[in-house]
Structures are given as C-alpha cells and as structure tokens.
Protein backbone atom coordinates (compact mmCIF):
# COMPACT_ATOMS: atom_id res chain seq x y z
CA MET A 1 -40.42 -49.07 6.23
CA LEU A 2 -36.65 -49.26 5.30
CA ASN A 3 -34.54 -47.02 3.25
CA ASN A 4 -34.02 -47.80 -0.32
CA ILE A 5 -30.77 -47.04 0.11
CA ARG A 6 -28.60 -45.98 -3.11
CA ASP A 7 -24.60 -45.94 -3.70
CA PHE A 8 -22.82 -43.89 -6.61
CA VAL A 9 -19.36 -44.38 -7.66
CA ARG A 10 -18.66 -40.41 -7.16
CA PRO A 11 -20.46 -37.57 -5.66
CA ASN A 12 -22.92 -35.26 -7.66
CA MET A 13 -20.78 -32.41 -7.84
CA ASP A 14 -23.72 -30.00 -8.90
CA GLY A 15 -24.14 -27.23 -6.33
CA GLY A 16 -21.16 -28.47 -4.52
CA PHE A 17 -20.38 -31.35 -2.37
CA VAL A 18 -19.15 -31.69 1.67
CA CYS A 19 -18.98 -35.08 3.16
CA PRO A 20 -20.89 -33.75 6.49
CA VAL A 21 -19.36 -36.77 7.67
CA CYS A 22 -15.67 -36.33 7.07
CA GLY A 23 -16.18 -32.81 5.96
CA THR A 24 -14.14 -33.27 3.17
CA SER A 25 -14.68 -32.85 -1.23
CA GLU A 26 -13.04 -36.34 -1.91
CA GLU A 27 -14.13 -37.97 -5.24
CA LYS A 28 -14.67 -41.29 -4.00
CA ARG A 29 -17.95 -43.72 -3.25
CA VAL A 30 -20.82 -41.98 -1.67
CA ARG A 31 -24.60 -43.48 -0.21
CA LEU A 32 -27.42 -41.03 -0.82
CA ILE A 33 -29.49 -41.04 2.66
CA ARG A 34 -33.04 -39.85 2.76
CA VAL A 35 -33.44 -36.60 5.04
CA LEU A 36 -35.60 -37.46 7.78
CA GLY A 37 -39.00 -35.03 7.58
CA THR A 38 -38.84 -34.51 3.98
CA GLU A 39 -40.82 -37.60 2.48
CA GLU A 40 -43.83 -36.82 -0.08
CA GLU A 41 -45.55 -39.01 -1.88
CA GLY A 42 -42.70 -41.04 -1.91
CA VAL A 43 -40.40 -38.75 -2.58
CA CYS A 44 -37.48 -37.39 -0.66
CA GLU A 45 -34.31 -35.40 0.07
CA ALA A 46 -31.24 -37.05 0.33
CA LYS A 47 -27.78 -36.45 1.65
CA GLN A 48 -24.43 -37.89 0.04
CA ILE A 49 -22.35 -39.25 2.76
CA HIS A 50 -18.88 -41.27 1.49
CA THR A 51 -19.91 -44.58 2.26
CA ASP A 52 -16.51 -45.77 4.02
CA CYS A 53 -17.33 -42.76 6.67
CA LEU A 54 -20.79 -44.84 7.14
CA PRO A 55 -21.09 -47.90 9.49
CA PRO A 56 -22.27 -50.98 8.34
CA VAL A 57 -26.15 -50.82 9.10
CA ASP A 58 -29.58 -51.58 7.90
CA ASP A 59 -30.97 -48.15 7.26
CA LEU A 60 -29.90 -44.85 7.56
CA ALA A 61 -31.71 -41.56 8.03
CA TYR A 62 -30.09 -37.93 7.64
CA ILE A 63 -31.64 -35.44 10.40
CA LYS A 64 -31.75 -31.90 8.75
CA GLY A 65 -30.38 -29.46 10.81
CA TYR A 66 -29.56 -31.69 14.51
CA GLY A 67 -26.24 -33.26 12.78
CA VAL A 68 -26.99 -36.97 13.63
CA ILE A 69 -27.45 -40.09 11.51
CA ALA A 70 -30.41 -42.18 12.75
CA LEU A 71 -29.18 -46.20 12.35
CA VAL A 72 -31.90 -48.60 12.44
CA ARG A 73 -30.26 -52.29 13.24
CA LYS A 74 -32.14 -55.42 13.27
CA GLU A 75 -32.24 -56.84 16.90
CA ARG A 76 -35.21 -58.10 17.91
CA GLY A 77 -37.28 -56.37 14.99
CA TYR A 78 -36.18 -52.94 13.22
CA ARG A 79 -35.76 -50.00 16.02
CA TRP A 80 -34.32 -46.37 15.77
CA GLN A 81 -31.05 -45.75 17.41
CA ILE A 82 -29.63 -42.44 17.07
CA LYS A 83 -25.74 -42.04 16.71
CA GLN A 84 -23.77 -38.54 16.92
CA MET A 85 -20.86 -39.02 14.05
CA SER A 86 -17.58 -38.04 14.94
CA HIS A 87 -16.90 -35.41 12.73
CA LEU A 88 -20.44 -34.40 11.45
CA HIS A 89 -20.62 -30.93 9.83
C-alpha cells in the first residue's frame, strides 16, 4: 500500500521540531512520513522531515528507533529498499 504523502509549507513547532535528516529546526516545507509499526485502523504516527532533505521516491516510511527511512521505488512492481540517510538523528 502506498503512503498518502502530505506536504506542508512549514513544520508544526508544537512540542519542538528537529528534522531527523539534517538536524535543524528550520521553518521550511516538510513532509509527513508515516512511522512503520504504528498503524492502527487507518491511523498512524508520522514524522516531519524537510522535503529538500528527502530523495525523490514513490513512498517513504520512518522506522522508529533504527534511524533509517524505507524507500519504495517503482522497479518491476513495488519493493522495499532501506536507505541510511547521511545525517539521520
């Protein structure tokens, strides 16, 4: 199932915000990325990540506690690939 990717003009700063890729709190466009393993009845936790910190992909998921982002690329159907982001926090 593909992620319903949502972009926002700036991050929600309630509770603090630090991009897990670049480690900054800059107020610039962010994408909500679902946290794997938190799905329940169509609802899940999400992580805010600056859109310019992400590579172009078909689907993304943040893996809580592992510091990786799962990428789904369309190559002979969909498959999961795990990519370590350079400055992931």
